[in-house]
C-alpha atoms as a PDB file:
ATOM      1  CA  MET A   1       0.000   0.000   0.000  1.00  0.00           C
ATOM      2  CA  ALA A   2       2.823   2.408   0.816  1.00  0.00           C
ATOM      3  CA  HIS A   3       4.464   1.416  -2.462  1.00  0.00           C
ATOM      4  CA  GLU A   4       1.307   2.342  -4.425  1.00  0.00           C
ATOM      5  CA  ARG A   5       0.977   5.626  -2.569  1.00  0.00           C
ATOM      6  CA  LEU A   6       4.613   6.455  -3.443  1.00  0.00           C
ATOM      7  CA  LEU A   7       4.055   5.588  -7.101  1.00  0.00           C
ATOM      8  CA  ASN A   8       0.957   7.799  -7.279  1.00  0.00           C
ATOM      9  CA  SER A   9       2.540  10.746  -5.484  1.00  0.00           C
ATOM     10  CA  GLY A  10       3.283  13.963  -7.308  1.00  0.00           C
ATOM     11  CA  LEU A  11       6.962  13.813  -6.364  1.00  0.00           C
ATOM     12  CA  ALA A  12       7.456  10.443  -8.043  1.00  0.00           C
ATOM     13  CA  ARG A  13       5.669  11.622 -11.184  1.00  0.00           C
ATOM     14  CA  ALA A  14       7.676  14.838 -11.236  1.00  0.00           C
ATOM     15  CA  LEU A  15      10.931  12.954 -10.810  1.00  0.00           C
ATOM     16  CA  THR A  16       9.985  10.509 -13.569  1.00  0.00           C
ATOM     17  CA  ASP A  17       9.062  13.382 -15.890  1.00  0.00           C
ATOM     18  CA  LEU A  18      12.296  15.182 -15.052  1.00  0.00           C
ATOM     19  CA  LEU A  19      14.397  12.106 -15.841  1.00  0.00           C
ATOM     20  CA  ALA A  20      12.486  11.540 -19.093  1.00  0.00           C
ATOM     21  CA  ASP A  21      13.033  15.167 -20.120  1.00  0.00           C
ATOM     22  CA  LEU A  22      16.700  14.909 -19.213  1.00  0.00           C
ATOM     23  CA  ALA A  23      17.064  11.760 -21.309  1.00  0.00           C
ATOM     24  CA  ASP A  24      15.395  13.504 -24.257  1.00  0.00           C
ATOM     25  CA  LEU A  25      17.685  16.501 -23.833  1.00  0.00           C
ATOM     26  CA  VAL A  26      20.796  14.299 -23.766  1.00  0.00           C
ATOM     27  CA  LYS A  27      19.592  12.365 -26.817  1.00  0.00           C
ATOM     28  CA  THR A  28      18.934  15.594 -28.723  1.00  0.00           C
ATOM     29  CA  GLU A  29      22.323  17.055 -27.827  1.00  0.00           C
ATOM     30  CA  ILE A  30      24.177  13.894 -28.827  1.00  0.00           C
ATOM     31  CA  THR A  31      22.272  13.746 -32.118  1.00  0.00           C
ATOM     32  CA  GLU A  32      23.132  17.378 -32.870  1.00  0.00           C
ATOM     33  CA  LYS A  33      26.813  16.804 -32.107  1.00  0.00           C
ATOM     34  CA  ILE A  34      26.981  13.662 -34.250  1.00  0.00           C
ATOM     35  CA  THR A  35      25.270  15.511 -37.105  1.00  0.00           C
ATOM     36  CA  ALA A  36      27.733  18.402 -36.828  1.00  0.00           C
ATOM     37  CA  ARG A  37      30.713  16.022 -36.813  1.00  0.00           C
ATOM     38  CA  LEU A  38      29.335  14.139 -39.814  1.00  0.00           C
ATOM     39  CA  ARG A  39      28.834  17.390 -41.694  1.00  0.00           C
ATOM     40  CA  ALA A  40      32.395  18.462 -40.855  1.00  0.00           C
ATOM     41  CA  SER A  41      33.693  15.085 -42.047  1.00  0.00           C
ATOM     42  CA  VAL A  42      31.948  15.502 -45.398  1.00  0.00           C
ATOM     43  CA  TRP A  43      33.574  18.921 -45.829  1.00  0.00           C
ATOM     44  CA  MET A  44      37.001  17.486 -44.968  1.00  0.00           C
ATOM     45  CA  VAL A  45      36.561  14.646 -47.480  1.00  0.00           C
ATOM     46  CA  ALA A  46      35.622  17.212 -50.131  1.00  0.00           C
ATOM     47  CA  ALA A  47      38.744  19.229 -49.249  1.00  0.00           C
ATOM     48  CA  GLY A  48      40.861  16.089 -49.536  1.00  0.00           C
ATOM     49  CA  ILE A  49      39.460  15.308 -52.989  1.00  0.00           C
ATOM     50  CA  LEU A  50      40.107  18.867 -54.155  1.00  0.00           C
ATOM     51  CA  GLY A  51      43.624  18.683 -52.711  1.00  0.00           C
ATOM     52  CA  LEU A  52      44.258  15.428 -54.585  1.00  0.00           C
ATOM     53  CA  ILE A  53      43.090  17.005 -57.848  1.00  0.00           C
ATOM     54  CA  ALA A  54      45.332  20.027 -57.223  1.00  0.00           C
ATOM     55  CA  THR A  55      48.297  17.743 -56.520  1.00  0.00           C
ATOM     56  CA  LEU A  56      47.719  15.830 -59.749  1.00  0.00           C
ATOM     57  CA  LEU A  57      47.568  19.078 -61.706  1.00  0.00           C
ATOM     58  CA  LEU A  58      50.811  20.267 -60.090  1.00  0.00           C
ATOM     59  CA  LEU A  59      52.504  16.995 -61.003  1.00  0.00           C
ATOM     60  CA  GLU A  60      51.267  17.397 -64.555  1.00  0.00           C
ATOM     61  CA  ALA A  61      52.763  20.897 -64.603  1.00  0.00           C
ATOM     62  CA  VAL A  62      56.095  19.461 -63.402  1.00  0.00           C
ATOM     63  CA  VAL A  63      56.009  16.891 -66.207  1.00  0.00           C
ATOM     64  CA  PHE A  64      55.375  19.627 -68.785  1.00  0.00           C
ATOM     65  CA  ALA A  65      58.080  21.828 -67.244  1.00  0.00           C
ATOM     66  CA  ILE A  66      60.629  19.019 -67.608  1.00  0.00           C
ATOM     67  CA  ALA A  67      59.410  18.376 -71.156  1.00  0.00           C
ATOM     68  CA  SER A  68      59.898  22.056 -71.995  1.00  0.00           C
ATOM     69  CA  PHE A  69      63.661  21.541 -71.501  1.00  0.00           C
ATOM     70  CA  GLY A  70      63.672  19.162 -74.453  1.00  0.00           C
ATOM     71  CA  VAL A  71      63.217  15.886 -72.548  1.00  0.00           C
ATOM     72  CA  PRO A  72      60.653  13.658 -74.314  1.00  0.00           C
ATOM     73  CA  LEU A  73      57.262  13.635 -72.637  1.00  0.00           C
ATOM     74  CA  HIS A  74      57.334   9.929 -71.778  1.00  0.00           C
ATOM     75  CA  TRP A  75      60.722  10.310 -70.073  1.00  0.00           C
ATOM     76  CA  SER A  76      59.444  13.337 -68.164  1.00  0.00           C
ATOM     77  CA  CYS A  77      56.525  11.253 -66.873  1.00  0.00           C
ATOM     78  CA  LEU A  78      58.860   8.420 -65.887  1.00  0.00           C
ATOM     79  CA  LEU A  79      61.204  10.818 -64.119  1.00  0.00           C
ATOM     80  CA  VAL A  80      58.394  12.355 -62.056  1.00  0.00           C
ATOM     81  CA  ALA A  81      57.002   8.885 -61.310  1.00  0.00           C
ATOM     82  CA  ALA A  82      60.428   7.671 -60.142  1.00  0.00           C
ATOM     83  CA  VAL A  83      60.820  10.639 -57.780  1.00  0.00           C
ATOM     84  CA  LEU A  84      57.311  10.053 -56.397  1.00  0.00           C
ATOM     85  CA  ALA A  85      58.008   6.328 -55.959  1.00  0.00           C
ATOM     86  CA  ALA A  86      61.214   7.099 -54.048  1.00  0.00           C
ATOM     87  CA  GLY A  87      59.267   9.497 -51.814  1.00  0.00           C
ATOM     88  CA  ALA A  88      56.570   6.864 -51.300  1.00  0.00           C
ATOM     89  CA  PHE A  89      59.123   4.232 -50.280  1.00  0.00           C
ATOM     90  CA  ALA A  90      60.837   6.612 -47.870  1.00  0.00           C
ATOM     91  CA  THR A  91      57.498   7.594 -46.334  1.00  0.00           C
ATOM     92  CA  PHE A  92      56.407   3.961 -46.049  1.00  0.00           C
ATOM     93  CA  TYR A  93      59.606   2.838 -44.343  1.00  0.00           C
ATOM     94  CA  HIS A  94      59.508   5.789 -41.956  1.00  0.00           C
ATOM     95  CA  GLY A  95      55.908   4.947 -41.048  1.00  0.00           C
ATOM     96  CA  ARG A  96      56.818   1.304 -40.570  1.00  0.00           C
ATOM     97  CA  SER A  97      59.695   2.193 -38.256  1.00  0.00           C
ATOM     98  CA  VAL A  98      57.374   4.390 -36.184  1.00  0.00           C
ATOM     99  CA  ALA A  99      54.734   1.626 -36.064  1.00  0.00           C
ATOM    100  CA  GLU A 100      57.207  -0.957 -34.750  1.00  0.00           C
ATOM    101  CA  GLU A 101      56.853   0.462 -31.261  1.00  0.00           C
ATOM    102  CA  GLY A 102      54.587  -1.719 -29.160  1.00  0.00           C
ATOM    103  CA  LEU A 103      51.031  -0.683 -28.411  1.00  0.00           C
ATOM    104  CA  LEU A 104      51.188  -1.754 -24.799  1.00  0.00           C
ATOM    105  CA  PRO A 105      51.832   1.026 -22.291  1.00  0.00           C
ATOM    106  CA  THR A 106      55.178  -0.347 -21.110  1.00  0.00           C
ATOM    107  CA  ARG A 107      56.139   2.692 -19.033  1.00  0.00           C
ATOM    108  CA  THR A 108      52.828   2.592 -17.192  1.00  0.00           C
ATOM    109  CA  ALA A 109      53.098  -1.171 -16.666  1.00  0.00           C
ATOM    110  CA  ASN A 110      56.619  -0.766 -15.284  1.00  0.00           C
ATOM    111  CA  GLN A 111      55.451   2.022 -12.967  1.00  0.00           C
ATOM    112  CA  ILE A 112      52.548  -0.081 -11.679  1.00  0.00           C
ATOM    113  CA  THR A 113      54.869  -3.042 -11.116  1.00  0.00           C
ATOM    114  CA  GLN A 114      57.242  -0.797  -9.197  1.00  0.00           C
ATOM    115  CA  ASP A 115      54.337   0.620  -7.143  1.00  0.00           C
ATOM    116  CA  ILE A 116      53.142  -2.880  -6.265  1.00  0.00           C
ATOM    117  CA  LYS A 117      56.661  -3.874  -5.254  1.00  0.00           C
ATOM    118  CA  THR A 118      56.945  -0.763  -3.056  1.00  0.00           C
ATOM    119  CA  VAL A 119      53.602  -1.433  -1.358  1.00  0.00           C
ATOM    120  CA  LYS A 120      54.599  -5.061  -0.685  1.00  0.00           C
ATOM    121  CA  GLU A 121      57.889  -3.911   0.830  1.00  0.00           C
ATOM    122  CA  GLN A 122      56.087  -1.444   3.097  1.00  0.00           C
ATOM    123  CA  TRP A 123      53.617  -4.086   4.305  1.00  0.00           C
ATOM    124  CA  THR A 124      56.362  -6.510   5.272  1.00  0.00           C
END
């Protein structure tokens, strides 16, 4: 009987309504933030595509600049491609050397191990 009286009280209804409104507010805010991030991502993808097109046009200009010095067009293309391939290999190997570091937090694990050892020494 006391349980029914508590459920039918104005305080319980007000608290339930408040929590429901709060949940709706949180849901709305999260939806707005996700929408804004998605919109920003679309703009960044568009910028990346435009940047790629600009890079290709610049490379084409380099090929024509080399060809203007009397080098045949096919050799100019091969020369630019060779320089790009060398840059790609260097970038790949640098990235691979950076990625060889372990993902585990070794410094933190060592610190925790040392903390545990210190606590054990203080207890004994």
